[in-house]
Full PDB file with SEQRES, HELIX, SHEET, SSBOND, CRYST1, ORIGX, SCALE, CONECT and MASTER records, all heavy atoms in Angstrom:
SEQRES   1 A   41  ALA TRP PHE ASP LYS TRP LEU LYS GLY ILE ASP ASN GLY          
SEQRES   2 A   41  ILE ASP ASN TYR GLY PRO VAL THR LEU ARG GLU GLN GLY          
SEQRES   3 A   41  GLY GLY TRP ILE THR GLN ASP GLY PHE GLY ALA THR ALA          
SEQRES   4 A   41  PRO ALA                                                      
HELIX    1 AA1 TRP A    2  TRP A    6  1                                   5    
HELIX    2 AA2 ILE A   14  ASN A   16  5                                   3    
HELIX    3 AA3 GLY A   36  THR A   38  5                                   3    
SHEET    1 AA1 2 VAL A  20  ARG A  23  0                                        
SHEET    2 AA1 2 TRP A  29  GLN A  32 -1                                        
CRYST1    1.000    1.000    1.000  90.00  90.00  90.00 P 1           1          
ORIGX1      1.000000  0.000000  0.000000        0.00000                         
ORIGX2      0.000000  1.000000  0.000000        0.00000                         
ORIGX3      0.000000  0.000000  1.000000        0.00000                         
SCALE1      1.000000  0.000000  0.000000        0.00000                         
SCALE2      0.000000  1.000000  0.000000        0.00000                         
SCALE3      0.000000  0.000000  1.000000        0.00000                         
ATOM      1  N   ALA A   1     -14.934 -49.309 -38.458  1.00  0.00           N  
ATOM      2  CA  ALA A   1     -14.988 -48.354 -39.658  1.00  0.00           C  
ATOM      3  C   ALA A   1     -13.765 -48.518 -40.470  1.00  0.00           C  
ATOM      4  O   ALA A   1     -13.855 -48.515 -41.829  1.00  0.00           O  
ATOM      5  CB  ALA A   1     -15.132 -46.854 -39.139  1.00  0.00           C  
ATOM      6  N   TRP A   2     -12.571 -48.770 -39.918  1.00  0.00           N  
ATOM      7  CA  TRP A   2     -11.361 -48.970 -40.628  1.00  0.00           C  
ATOM      8  C   TRP A   2     -11.441 -50.195 -41.575  1.00  0.00           C  
ATOM      9  O   TRP A   2     -11.109 -50.220 -42.759  1.00  0.00           O  
ATOM     10  CB  TRP A   2     -10.222 -49.090 -39.684  1.00  0.00           C  
ATOM     11  CG  TRP A   2      -8.839 -48.906 -40.283  1.00  0.00           C  
ATOM     12  CD1 TRP A   2      -7.790 -49.884 -40.381  1.00  0.00           C  
ATOM     13  CD2 TRP A   2      -8.235 -47.695 -40.850  1.00  0.00           C  
ATOM     14  NE1 TRP A   2      -6.753 -49.351 -40.952  1.00  0.00           N  
ATOM     15  CE2 TRP A   2      -6.941 -48.092 -41.286  1.00  0.00           C  
ATOM     16  CE3 TRP A   2      -8.712 -46.403 -41.028  1.00  0.00           C  
ATOM     17  CZ2 TRP A   2      -6.140 -47.077 -41.800  1.00  0.00           C  
ATOM     18  CZ3 TRP A   2      -7.971 -45.618 -41.721  1.00  0.00           C  
ATOM     19  CH2 TRP A   2      -6.627 -45.859 -42.079  1.00  0.00           C  
ATOM     20  N   PHE A   3     -11.896 -51.327 -40.970  1.00  0.00           N  
ATOM     21  CA  PHE A   3     -12.047 -52.520 -41.721  1.00  0.00           C  
ATOM     22  C   PHE A   3     -13.226 -52.543 -42.691  1.00  0.00           C  
ATOM     23  O   PHE A   3     -13.038 -53.085 -43.840  1.00  0.00           O  
ATOM     24  CB  PHE A   3     -12.305 -53.748 -40.799  1.00  0.00           C  
ATOM     25  CG  PHE A   3     -11.039 -54.085 -39.954  1.00  0.00           C  
ATOM     26  CD1 PHE A   3     -11.232 -54.607 -38.702  1.00  0.00           C  
ATOM     27  CD2 PHE A   3      -9.782 -53.847 -40.441  1.00  0.00           C  
ATOM     28  CE1 PHE A   3     -10.097 -55.028 -37.875  1.00  0.00           C  
ATOM     29  CE2 PHE A   3      -8.636 -54.094 -39.715  1.00  0.00           C  
ATOM     30  CZ  PHE A   3      -8.827 -54.733 -38.402  1.00  0.00           C  
ATOM     31  N   ASP A   4     -14.249 -51.849 -42.391  1.00  0.00           N  
ATOM     32  CA  ASP A   4     -15.333 -51.719 -43.389  1.00  0.00           C  
ATOM     33  C   ASP A   4     -14.839 -50.972 -44.715  1.00  0.00           C  
ATOM     34  O   ASP A   4     -15.148 -51.349 -45.841  1.00  0.00           O  
ATOM     35  CB  ASP A   4     -16.516 -50.908 -42.760  1.00  0.00           C  
ATOM     36  CG  ASP A   4     -17.387 -51.773 -41.952  1.00  0.00           C  
ATOM     37  OD1 ASP A   4     -17.270 -53.027 -41.922  1.00  0.00           O  
ATOM     38  OD2 ASP A   4     -18.402 -51.222 -41.337  1.00  0.00           O  
ATOM     39  N   LYS A   5     -14.008 -49.989 -44.413  1.00  0.00           N  
ATOM     40  CA  LYS A   5     -13.394 -49.202 -45.561  1.00  0.00           C  
ATOM     41  C   LYS A   5     -12.431 -50.026 -46.382  1.00  0.00           C  
ATOM     42  O   LYS A   5     -12.537 -50.132 -47.569  1.00  0.00           O  
ATOM     43  CB  LYS A   5     -12.681 -47.952 -45.073  1.00  0.00           C  
ATOM     44  CG  LYS A   5     -11.849 -47.267 -46.093  1.00  0.00           C  
ATOM     45  CD  LYS A   5     -12.616 -46.643 -47.209  1.00  0.00           C  
ATOM     46  CE  LYS A   5     -11.778 -45.861 -48.188  1.00  0.00           C  
ATOM     47  NZ  LYS A   5     -12.685 -45.273 -49.287  1.00  0.00           N  
ATOM     48  N   TRP A   6     -11.484 -50.668 -45.674  1.00  0.00           N  
ATOM     49  CA  TRP A   6     -10.267 -51.275 -46.436  1.00  0.00           C  
ATOM     50  C   TRP A   6     -10.426 -52.727 -46.641  1.00  0.00           C  
ATOM     51  O   TRP A   6      -9.690 -53.295 -47.574  1.00  0.00           O  
ATOM     52  CB  TRP A   6      -8.986 -50.944 -45.608  1.00  0.00           C  
ATOM     53  CG  TRP A   6      -8.776 -49.452 -45.404  1.00  0.00           C  
ATOM     54  CD1 TRP A   6      -8.796 -48.837 -44.292  1.00  0.00           C  
ATOM     55  CD2 TRP A   6      -8.540 -48.500 -46.413  1.00  0.00           C  
ATOM     56  NE1 TRP A   6      -8.544 -47.462 -44.413  1.00  0.00           N  
ATOM     57  CE2 TRP A   6      -8.320 -47.244 -45.856  1.00  0.00           C  
ATOM     58  CE3 TRP A   6      -8.447 -48.561 -47.828  1.00  0.00           C  
ATOM     59  CZ2 TRP A   6      -8.159 -46.092 -46.483  1.00  0.00           C  
ATOM     60  CZ3 TRP A   6      -8.195 -47.353 -48.575  1.00  0.00           C  
ATOM     61  CH2 TRP A   6      -8.039 -46.180 -47.823  1.00  0.00           C  
ATOM     62  N   LEU A   7     -11.441 -53.378 -46.011  1.00  0.00           N  
ATOM     63  CA  LEU A   7     -11.660 -54.882 -46.299  1.00  0.00           C  
ATOM     64  C   LEU A   7     -12.892 -55.020 -47.129  1.00  0.00           C  
ATOM     65  O   LEU A   7     -12.958 -55.956 -47.882  1.00  0.00           O  
ATOM     66  CB  LEU A   7     -11.627 -55.598 -44.999  1.00  0.00           C  
ATOM     67  CG  LEU A   7     -10.428 -55.639 -44.106  1.00  0.00           C  
ATOM     68  CD1 LEU A   7     -10.557 -56.592 -42.969  1.00  0.00           C  
ATOM     69  CD2 LEU A   7      -9.117 -56.145 -44.971  1.00  0.00           C  
ATOM     70  N   LYS A   8     -13.907 -54.187 -46.814  1.00  0.00           N  
ATOM     71  CA  LYS A   8     -15.038 -54.259 -47.623  1.00  0.00           C  
ATOM     72  C   LYS A   8     -15.411 -53.227 -48.669  1.00  0.00           C  
ATOM     73  O   LYS A   8     -16.373 -53.245 -49.421  1.00  0.00           O  
ATOM     74  CB  LYS A   8     -16.348 -54.332 -46.619  1.00  0.00           C  
ATOM     75  CG  LYS A   8     -16.375 -55.601 -45.775  1.00  0.00           C  
ATOM     76  CD  LYS A   8     -17.791 -55.596 -44.964  1.00  0.00           C  
ATOM     77  CE  LYS A   8     -17.856 -56.946 -44.286  1.00  0.00           C  
ATOM     78  NZ  LYS A   8     -19.132 -57.010 -43.477  1.00  0.00           N  
ATOM     79  N   GLY A   9     -14.511 -52.213 -48.666  1.00  0.00           N  
ATOM     80  CA  GLY A   9     -14.784 -51.164 -49.729  1.00  0.00           C  
ATOM     81  C   GLY A   9     -15.924 -50.240 -49.504  1.00  0.00           C  
ATOM     82  O   GLY A   9     -16.332 -49.587 -50.440  1.00  0.00           O  
ATOM     83  N   ILE A  10     -16.348 -50.078 -48.259  1.00  0.00           N  
ATOM     84  CA  ILE A  10     -17.538 -49.230 -47.910  1.00  0.00           C  
ATOM     85  C   ILE A  10     -16.987 -47.782 -47.722  1.00  0.00           C  
ATOM     86  O   ILE A  10     -16.096 -47.474 -47.029  1.00  0.00           O  
ATOM     87  CB  ILE A  10     -18.198 -49.690 -46.567  1.00  0.00           C  
ATOM     88  CG1 ILE A  10     -18.662 -51.127 -46.714  1.00  0.00           C  
ATOM     89  CG2 ILE A  10     -19.280 -48.682 -46.266  1.00  0.00           C  
ATOM     90  CD1 ILE A  10     -19.264 -51.681 -45.487  1.00  0.00           C  
ATOM     91  N   ASP A  11     -17.575 -46.857 -48.507  1.00  0.00           N  
ATOM     92  CA  ASP A  11     -17.094 -45.489 -48.443  1.00  0.00           C  
ATOM     93  C   ASP A  11     -17.795 -44.723 -47.317  1.00  0.00           C  
ATOM     94  O   ASP A  11     -18.809 -44.066 -47.477  1.00  0.00           O  
ATOM     95  CB  ASP A  11     -17.506 -44.757 -49.791  1.00  0.00           C  
ATOM     96  CG  ASP A  11     -16.959 -43.420 -49.940  1.00  0.00           C  
ATOM     97  OD1 ASP A  11     -16.086 -43.081 -49.108  1.00  0.00           O  
ATOM     98  OD2 ASP A  11     -17.449 -42.597 -50.800  1.00  0.00           O  
ATOM     99  N   ASN A  12     -17.163 -44.912 -46.138  1.00  0.00           N  
ATOM    100  CA  ASN A  12     -17.786 -44.399 -44.904  1.00  0.00           C  
ATOM    101  C   ASN A  12     -17.011 -43.200 -44.343  1.00  0.00           C  
ATOM    102  O   ASN A  12     -17.430 -42.761 -43.305  1.00  0.00           O  
ATOM    103  CB  ASN A  12     -17.781 -45.500 -43.842  1.00  0.00           C  
ATOM    104  CG  ASN A  12     -16.250 -46.005 -43.532  1.00  0.00           C  
ATOM    105  OD1 ASN A  12     -15.364 -45.512 -43.961  1.00  0.00           O  
ATOM    106  ND2 ASN A  12     -16.324 -47.210 -42.744  1.00  0.00           N  
ATOM    107  N   GLY A  13     -16.031 -42.717 -45.069  1.00  0.00           N  
ATOM    108  CA  GLY A  13     -15.336 -41.484 -44.558  1.00  0.00           C  
ATOM    109  C   GLY A  13     -14.196 -41.648 -43.616  1.00  0.00           C  
ATOM    110  O   GLY A  13     -13.660 -40.592 -43.287  1.00  0.00           O  
ATOM    111  N   ILE A  14     -13.894 -42.866 -43.142  1.00  0.00           N  
ATOM    112  CA  ILE A  14     -12.780 -42.964 -42.202  1.00  0.00           C  
ATOM    113  C   ILE A  14     -11.465 -42.463 -42.770  1.00  0.00           C  
ATOM    114  O   ILE A  14     -10.693 -41.988 -41.916  1.00  0.00           O  
ATOM    115  CB  ILE A  14     -12.772 -44.514 -41.700  1.00  0.00           C  
ATOM    116  CG1 ILE A  14     -11.874 -44.577 -40.484  1.00  0.00           C  
ATOM    117  CG2 ILE A  14     -12.334 -45.404 -42.857  1.00  0.00           C  
ATOM    118  CD1 ILE A  14     -12.288 -43.984 -39.246  1.00  0.00           C  
ATOM    119  N   ASP A  15     -11.350 -42.512 -43.967  1.00  0.00           N  
ATOM    120  CA  ASP A  15     -10.144 -42.055 -44.571  1.00  0.00           C  
ATOM    121  C   ASP A  15      -9.913 -40.530 -44.504  1.00  0.00           C  
ATOM    122  O   ASP A  15      -8.966 -39.957 -44.753  1.00  0.00           O  
ATOM    123  CB  ASP A  15      -9.934 -42.567 -45.993  1.00  0.00           C  
ATOM    124  CG  ASP A  15     -11.080 -42.251 -46.918  1.00  0.00           C  
ATOM    125  OD1 ASP A  15     -12.292 -42.348 -46.347  1.00  0.00           O  
ATOM    126  OD2 ASP A  15     -10.879 -42.107 -48.052  1.00  0.00           O  
ATOM    127  N   ASN A  16     -11.090 -39.845 -44.193  1.00  0.00           N  
ATOM    128  CA  ASN A  16     -11.033 -38.435 -43.948  1.00  0.00           C  
ATOM    129  C   ASN A  16     -10.961 -38.043 -42.449  1.00  0.00           C  
ATOM    130  O   ASN A  16     -11.066 -36.879 -42.045  1.00  0.00           O  
ATOM    131  CB  ASN A  16     -12.289 -37.776 -44.603  1.00  0.00           C  
ATOM    132  CG  ASN A  16     -12.225 -37.875 -46.085  1.00  0.00           C  
ATOM    133  OD1 ASN A  16     -11.234 -37.504 -46.750  1.00  0.00           O  
ATOM    134  ND2 ASN A  16     -13.288 -38.378 -46.638  1.00  0.00           N  
ATOM    135  N   TYR A  17     -10.999 -39.036 -41.603  1.00  0.00           N  
ATOM    136  CA  TYR A  17     -10.781 -38.742 -40.145  1.00  0.00           C  
ATOM    137  C   TYR A  17      -9.330 -38.367 -39.843  1.00  0.00           C  
ATOM    138  O   TYR A  17      -8.406 -38.756 -40.644  1.00  0.00           O  
ATOM    139  CB  TYR A  17     -11.144 -40.008 -39.393  1.00  0.00           C  
ATOM    140  CG  TYR A  17     -11.179 -39.880 -37.927  1.00  0.00           C  
ATOM    141  CD1 TYR A  17     -11.980 -39.108 -37.198  1.00  0.00           C  
ATOM    142  CD2 TYR A  17     -10.215 -40.491 -37.017  1.00  0.00           C  
ATOM    143  CE1 TYR A  17     -12.165 -38.959 -35.889  1.00  0.00           C  
ATOM    144  CE2 TYR A  17     -10.208 -40.426 -35.710  1.00  0.00           C  
ATOM    145  CZ  TYR A  17     -11.224 -39.617 -35.108  1.00  0.00           C  
ATOM    146  OH  TYR A  17     -11.159 -39.516 -33.672  1.00  0.00           O  
ATOM    147  N   GLY A  18      -9.162 -37.565 -38.886  1.00  0.00           N  
ATOM    148  CA  GLY A  18      -7.792 -37.122 -38.570  1.00  0.00           C  
ATOM    149  C   GLY A  18      -7.094 -36.276 -39.531  1.00  0.00           C  
ATOM    150  O   GLY A  18      -7.663 -35.140 -39.917  1.00  0.00           O  
ATOM    151  N   PRO A  19      -6.004 -36.704 -40.140  1.00  0.00           N  
ATOM    152  CA  PRO A  19      -5.352 -38.011 -40.007  1.00  0.00           C  
ATOM    153  C   PRO A  19      -4.675 -38.160 -38.686  1.00  0.00           C  
ATOM    154  O   PRO A  19      -4.355 -39.268 -38.212  1.00  0.00           O  
ATOM    155  CB  PRO A  19      -4.310 -38.076 -41.068  1.00  0.00           C  
ATOM    156  CG  PRO A  19      -4.069 -36.596 -41.322  1.00  0.00           C  
ATOM    157  CD  PRO A  19      -5.266 -35.845 -41.093  1.00  0.00           C  
ATOM    158  N   VAL A  20      -4.317 -37.066 -37.942  1.00  0.00           N  
ATOM    159  CA  VAL A  20      -3.607 -37.185 -36.673  1.00  0.00           C  
ATOM    160  C   VAL A  20      -4.611 -36.585 -35.604  1.00  0.00           C  
ATOM    161  O   VAL A  20      -4.962 -35.405 -35.588  1.00  0.00           O  
ATOM    162  CB  VAL A  20      -2.301 -36.368 -36.713  1.00  0.00           C  
ATOM    163  CG1 VAL A  20      -1.716 -36.358 -35.279  1.00  0.00           C  
ATOM    164  CG2 VAL A  20      -1.300 -36.973 -37.663  1.00  0.00           C  
ATOM    165  N   THR A  21      -4.959 -37.411 -34.759  1.00  0.00           N  
ATOM    166  CA  THR A  21      -6.049 -36.967 -33.673  1.00  0.00           C  
ATOM    167  C   THR A  21      -5.290 -37.084 -32.338  1.00  0.00           C  
ATOM    168  O   THR A  21      -4.858 -38.161 -31.985  1.00  0.00           O  
ATOM    169  CB  THR A  21      -7.217 -37.848 -33.741  1.00  0.00           C  
ATOM    170  OG1 THR A  21      -7.791 -37.954 -35.059  1.00  0.00           O  
ATOM    171  CG2 THR A  21      -8.293 -37.424 -32.777  1.00  0.00           C  
ATOM    172  N   LEU A  22      -5.230 -36.054 -31.605  1.00  0.00           N  
ATOM    173  CA  LEU A  22      -4.354 -35.937 -30.460  1.00  0.00           C  
ATOM    174  C   LEU A  22      -5.115 -35.259 -29.170  1.00  0.00           C  
ATOM    175  O   LEU A  22      -5.948 -34.489 -29.360  1.00  0.00           O  
ATOM    176  CB  LEU A  22      -3.156 -34.941 -30.667  1.00  0.00           C  
ATOM    177  CG  LEU A  22      -2.276 -35.279 -31.914  1.00  0.00           C  
ATOM    178  CD1 LEU A  22      -1.228 -34.222 -31.956  1.00  0.00           C  
ATOM    179  CD2 LEU A  22      -1.593 -36.591 -31.814  1.00  0.00           C  
ATOM    180  N   ARG A  23      -4.959 -35.911 -28.060  1.00  0.00           N  
ATOM    181  CA  ARG A  23      -5.295 -35.359 -26.813  1.00  0.00           C  
ATOM    182  C   ARG A  23      -4.178 -34.515 -26.271  1.00  0.00           C  
ATOM    183  O   ARG A  23      -3.168 -34.978 -25.847  1.00  0.00           O  
ATOM    184  CB  ARG A  23      -5.679 -36.403 -25.819  1.00  0.00           C  
ATOM    185  CG  ARG A  23      -5.967 -36.004 -24.439  1.00  0.00           C  
ATOM    186  CD  ARG A  23      -7.184 -35.102 -24.321  1.00  0.00           C  
ATOM    187  NE  ARG A  23      -7.848 -35.099 -22.981  1.00  0.00           N  
ATOM    188  CZ  ARG A  23      -7.436 -34.521 -21.837  1.00  0.00           C  
ATOM    189  NH1 ARG A  23      -6.491 -33.697 -21.948  1.00  0.00           N  
ATOM    190  NH2 ARG A  23      -8.165 -34.682 -20.780  1.00  0.00           N  
ATOM    191  N   GLU A  24      -4.319 -33.064 -26.400  1.00  0.00           N  
ATOM    192  CA  GLU A  24      -3.344 -32.265 -25.892  1.00  0.00           C  
ATOM    193  C   GLU A  24      -3.309 -32.348 -24.241  1.00  0.00           C  
ATOM    194  O   GLU A  24      -4.343 -32.196 -23.572  1.00  0.00           O  
ATOM    195  CB  GLU A  24      -3.587 -30.856 -26.258  1.00  0.00           C  
ATOM    196  CG  GLU A  24      -3.460 -30.622 -27.737  1.00  0.00           C  
ATOM    197  CD  GLU A  24      -3.550 -29.061 -28.119  1.00  0.00           C  
ATOM    198  OE1 GLU A  24      -4.483 -28.423 -27.584  1.00  0.00           O  
ATOM    199  OE2 GLU A  24      -2.670 -28.638 -28.853  1.00  0.00           O  
ATOM    200  N   GLN A  25      -2.122 -32.647 -23.660  1.00  0.00           N  
ATOM    201  CA  GLN A  25      -1.991 -32.576 -22.322  1.00  0.00           C  
ATOM    202  C   GLN A  25      -2.123 -31.185 -21.899  1.00  0.00           C  
ATOM    203  O   GLN A  25      -1.602 -30.324 -22.407  1.00  0.00           O  
ATOM    204  CB  GLN A  25      -0.569 -33.131 -21.826  1.00  0.00           C  
ATOM    205  CG  GLN A  25      -0.404 -34.584 -22.281  1.00  0.00           C  
ATOM    206  CD  GLN A  25       0.857 -35.156 -21.623  1.00  0.00           C  
ATOM    207  OE1 GLN A  25       0.969 -35.416 -20.459  1.00  0.00           O  
ATOM    208  NE2 GLN A  25       1.939 -35.276 -22.466  1.00  0.00           N  
ATOM    209  N   GLY A  26      -3.101 -31.043 -20.852  1.00  0.00           N  
ATOM    210  CA  GLY A  26      -3.464 -29.655 -20.411  1.00  0.00           C  
ATOM    211  C   GLY A  26      -4.511 -28.965 -21.264  1.00  0.00           C  
ATOM    212  O   GLY A  26      -4.902 -27.893 -21.039  1.00  0.00           O  
ATOM    213  N   GLY A  27      -5.052 -29.772 -22.332  1.00  0.00           N  
ATOM    214  CA  GLY A  27      -6.039 -29.166 -23.190  1.00  0.00           C  
ATOM    215  C   GLY A  27      -7.053 -30.252 -23.544  1.00  0.00           C  
ATOM    216  O   GLY A  27      -7.312 -31.108 -22.710  1.00  0.00           O  
ATOM    217  N   GLY A  28      -7.595 -30.169 -24.734  1.00  0.00           N  
ATOM    218  CA  GLY A  28      -8.614 -31.049 -25.186  1.00  0.00           C  
ATOM    219  C   GLY A  28      -8.111 -31.908 -26.494  1.00  0.00           C  
ATOM    220  O   GLY A  28      -6.919 -31.822 -26.842  1.00  0.00           O  
ATOM    221  N   TRP A  29      -9.076 -32.516 -27.143  1.00  0.00           N  
ATOM    222  CA  TRP A  29      -8.753 -33.251 -28.364  1.00  0.00           C  
ATOM    223  C   TRP A  29      -8.721 -32.311 -29.557  1.00  0.00           C  
ATOM    224  O   TRP A  29      -9.559 -31.394 -29.652  1.00  0.00           O  
ATOM    225  CB  TRP A  29      -9.812 -34.378 -28.550  1.00  0.00           C  
ATOM    226  CG  TRP A  29      -9.639 -35.507 -27.605  1.00  0.00           C  
ATOM    227  CD1 TRP A  29     -10.313 -35.760 -26.400  1.00  0.00           C  
ATOM    228  CD2 TRP A  29      -8.898 -36.663 -27.881  1.00  0.00           C  
ATOM    229  NE1 TRP A  29      -9.809 -36.969 -25.915  1.00  0.00           N  
ATOM    230  CE2 TRP A  29      -9.019 -37.583 -26.884  1.00  0.00           C  
ATOM    231  CE3 TRP A  29      -7.970 -37.054 -28.988  1.00  0.00           C  
ATOM    232  CZ2 TRP A  29      -8.342 -38.798 -26.755  1.00  0.00           C  
ATOM    233  CZ3 TRP A  29      -7.389 -38.288 -28.958  1.00  0.00           C  
ATOM    234  CH2 TRP A  29      -7.556 -39.105 -27.805  1.00  0.00           C  
ATOM    235  N   ILE A  30      -7.822 -32.615 -30.406  1.00  0.00           N  
ATOM    236  CA  ILE A  30      -7.711 -31.846 -31.684  1.00  0.00           C  
ATOM    237  C   ILE A  30      -7.339 -32.803 -32.844  1.00  0.00           C  
ATOM    238  O   ILE A  30      -6.943 -33.810 -32.553  1.00  0.00           O  
ATOM    239  CB  ILE A  30      -6.590 -30.700 -31.567  1.00  0.00           C  
ATOM    240  CG1 ILE A  30      -5.187 -31.369 -31.339  1.00  0.00           C  
ATOM    241  CG2 ILE A  30      -6.982 -29.803 -30.478  1.00  0.00           C  
ATOM    242  CD1 ILE A  30      -4.072 -30.425 -31.590  1.00  0.00           C  
ATOM    243  N   THR A  31      -7.523 -32.324 -34.032  1.00  0.00           N  
ATOM    244  CA  THR A  31      -7.089 -33.080 -35.174  1.00  0.00           C  
ATOM    245  C   THR A  31      -6.010 -32.041 -35.809  1.00  0.00           C  
ATOM    246  O   THR A  31      -6.127 -30.893 -35.890  1.00  0.00           O  
ATOM    247  CB  THR A  31      -8.239 -33.318 -36.189  1.00  0.00           C  
ATOM    248  OG1 THR A  31      -8.925 -32.132 -36.552  1.00  0.00           O  
ATOM    249  CG2 THR A  31      -9.151 -34.358 -35.474  1.00  0.00           C  
ATOM    250  N   GLN A  32      -5.002 -32.805 -36.459  1.00  0.00           N  
ATOM    251  CA  GLN A  32      -4.025 -32.086 -37.184  1.00  0.00           C  
ATOM    252  C   GLN A  32      -3.687 -32.936 -38.514  1.00  0.00           C  
ATOM    253  O   GLN A  32      -4.004 -34.075 -38.601  1.00  0.00           O  
ATOM    254  CB  GLN A  32      -2.670 -31.962 -36.347  1.00  0.00           C  
ATOM    255  CG  GLN A  32      -2.767 -31.247 -35.075  1.00  0.00           C  
ATOM    256  CD  GLN A  32      -1.475 -31.042 -34.384  1.00  0.00           C  
ATOM    257  OE1 GLN A  32      -1.312 -30.220 -33.503  1.00  0.00           O  
ATOM    258  NE2 GLN A  32      -0.431 -31.844 -34.728  1.00  0.00           N  
ATOM    259  N   ASP A  33      -2.869 -32.231 -39.333  1.00  0.00           N  
ATOM    260  CA  ASP A  33      -2.479 -32.863 -40.578  1.00  0.00           C  
ATOM    261  C   ASP A  33      -1.198 -33.579 -40.462  1.00  0.00           C  
ATOM    262  O   ASP A  33      -0.829 -34.360 -41.342  1.00  0.00           O  
ATOM    263  CB  ASP A  33      -2.325 -31.856 -41.742  1.00  0.00           C  
ATOM    264  CG  ASP A  33      -3.650 -31.291 -42.160  1.00  0.00           C  
ATOM    265  OD1 ASP A  33      -4.705 -31.981 -42.026  1.00  0.00           O  
ATOM    266  OD2 ASP A  33      -3.783 -30.132 -42.581  1.00  0.00           O  
ATOM    267  N   GLY A  34      -0.531 -33.548 -39.237  1.00  0.00           N  
ATOM    268  CA  GLY A  34       0.754 -34.210 -38.999  1.00  0.00           C  
ATOM    269  C   GLY A  34       1.145 -34.001 -37.598  1.00  0.00           C  
ATOM    270  O   GLY A  34       0.428 -33.428 -36.832  1.00  0.00           O  
ATOM    271  N   PHE A  35       2.297 -34.707 -37.224  1.00  0.00           N  
ATOM    272  CA  PHE A  35       2.817 -34.553 -35.945  1.00  0.00           C  
ATOM    273  C   PHE A  35       4.331 -34.557 -35.976  1.00  0.00           C  
ATOM    274  O   PHE A  35       4.965 -35.414 -36.662  1.00  0.00           O  
ATOM    275  CB  PHE A  35       2.322 -35.564 -34.981  1.00  0.00           C  
ATOM    276  CG  PHE A  35       2.949 -35.470 -33.680  1.00  0.00           C  
ATOM    277  CD1 PHE A  35       2.639 -34.568 -32.654  1.00  0.00           C  
ATOM    278  CD2 PHE A  35       3.932 -36.452 -33.160  1.00  0.00           C  
ATOM    279  CE1 PHE A  35       3.242 -34.427 -31.413  1.00  0.00           C  
ATOM    280  CE2 PHE A  35       4.430 -36.375 -31.966  1.00  0.00           C  
ATOM    281  CZ  PHE A  35       4.190 -35.402 -31.081  1.00  0.00           C  
ATOM    282  N   GLY A  36       4.998 -33.675 -35.322  1.00  0.00           N  
ATOM    283  CA  GLY A  36       6.452 -33.735 -35.312  1.00  0.00           C  
ATOM    284  C   GLY A  36       7.045 -33.462 -36.692  1.00  0.00           C  
ATOM    285  O   GLY A  36       6.749 -32.421 -37.349  1.00  0.00           O  
ATOM    286  N   ALA A  37       7.747 -34.533 -37.148  1.00  0.00           N  
ATOM    287  CA  ALA A  37       8.445 -34.368 -38.471  1.00  0.00           C  
ATOM    288  C   ALA A  37       7.464 -34.316 -39.633  1.00  0.00           C  
ATOM    289  O   ALA A  37       7.758 -33.730 -40.716  1.00  0.00           O  
ATOM    290  CB  ALA A  37       9.296 -35.591 -38.647  1.00  0.00           C  
ATOM    291  N   THR A  38       6.226 -34.680 -39.525  1.00  0.00           N  
ATOM    292  CA  THR A  38       5.185 -34.542 -40.594  1.00  0.00           C  
ATOM    293  C   THR A  38       4.343 -33.456 -40.415  1.00  0.00           C  
ATOM    294  O   THR A  38       3.421 -33.266 -41.262  1.00  0.00           O  
ATOM    295  CB  THR A  38       4.504 -35.910 -40.654  1.00  0.00           C  
ATOM    296  OG1 THR A  38       3.612 -36.015 -39.479  1.00  0.00           O  
ATOM    297  CG2 THR A  38       5.322 -37.029 -40.874  1.00  0.00           C  
ATOM    298  N   ALA A  39       4.508 -32.501 -39.500  1.00  0.00           N  
ATOM    299  CA  ALA A  39       3.522 -31.536 -39.231  1.00  0.00           C  
ATOM    300  C   ALA A  39       3.785 -30.446 -40.342  1.00  0.00           C  
ATOM    301  O   ALA A  39       4.924 -30.024 -40.677  1.00  0.00           O  
ATOM    302  CB  ALA A  39       3.776 -30.794 -37.774  1.00  0.00           C  
ATOM    303  N   PRO A  40       2.720 -29.925 -40.955  1.00  0.00           N  
ATOM    304  CA  PRO A  40       2.876 -28.854 -41.884  1.00  0.00           C  
ATOM    305  C   PRO A  40       3.371 -27.520 -41.271  1.00  0.00           C  
ATOM    306  O   PRO A  40       3.219 -27.393 -40.021  1.00  0.00           O  
ATOM    307  CB  PRO A  40       1.552 -28.732 -42.518  1.00  0.00           C  
ATOM    308  CG  PRO A  40       0.546 -29.224 -41.540  1.00  0.00           C  
ATOM    309  CD  PRO A  40       1.350 -30.327 -40.881  1.00  0.00           C  
ATOM    310  N   ALA A  41       3.707 -26.576 -42.063  1.00  0.00           N  
ATOM    311  CA  ALA A  41       4.297 -25.366 -41.492  1.00  0.00           C  
ATOM    312  C   ALA A  41       3.341 -24.659 -40.463  1.00  0.00           C  
ATOM    313  O   ALA A  41       3.826 -24.166 -39.362  1.00  0.00           O  
ATOM    314  CB  ALA A  41       4.671 -24.427 -42.694  1.00  0.00           C  
TER     315      ALA A  41                                                      
MASTER        0    0    0    3    2    0    0    6  314    1    0    4          
END                                                                             
C-alpha cells in the first residue's frame, strides 16, 4: 500500500493510516497522532 501510494500515485488511504500505530504492552493495538516528543497534549 505504501509503494502503491508513493511510487504509483494510487489514492488508497495509506497516508491516513496511523500515523503512529502501537501495541501497548499489557493492552492492545491503538493509533495515536504521535509518540513521546511528538505526542499532542
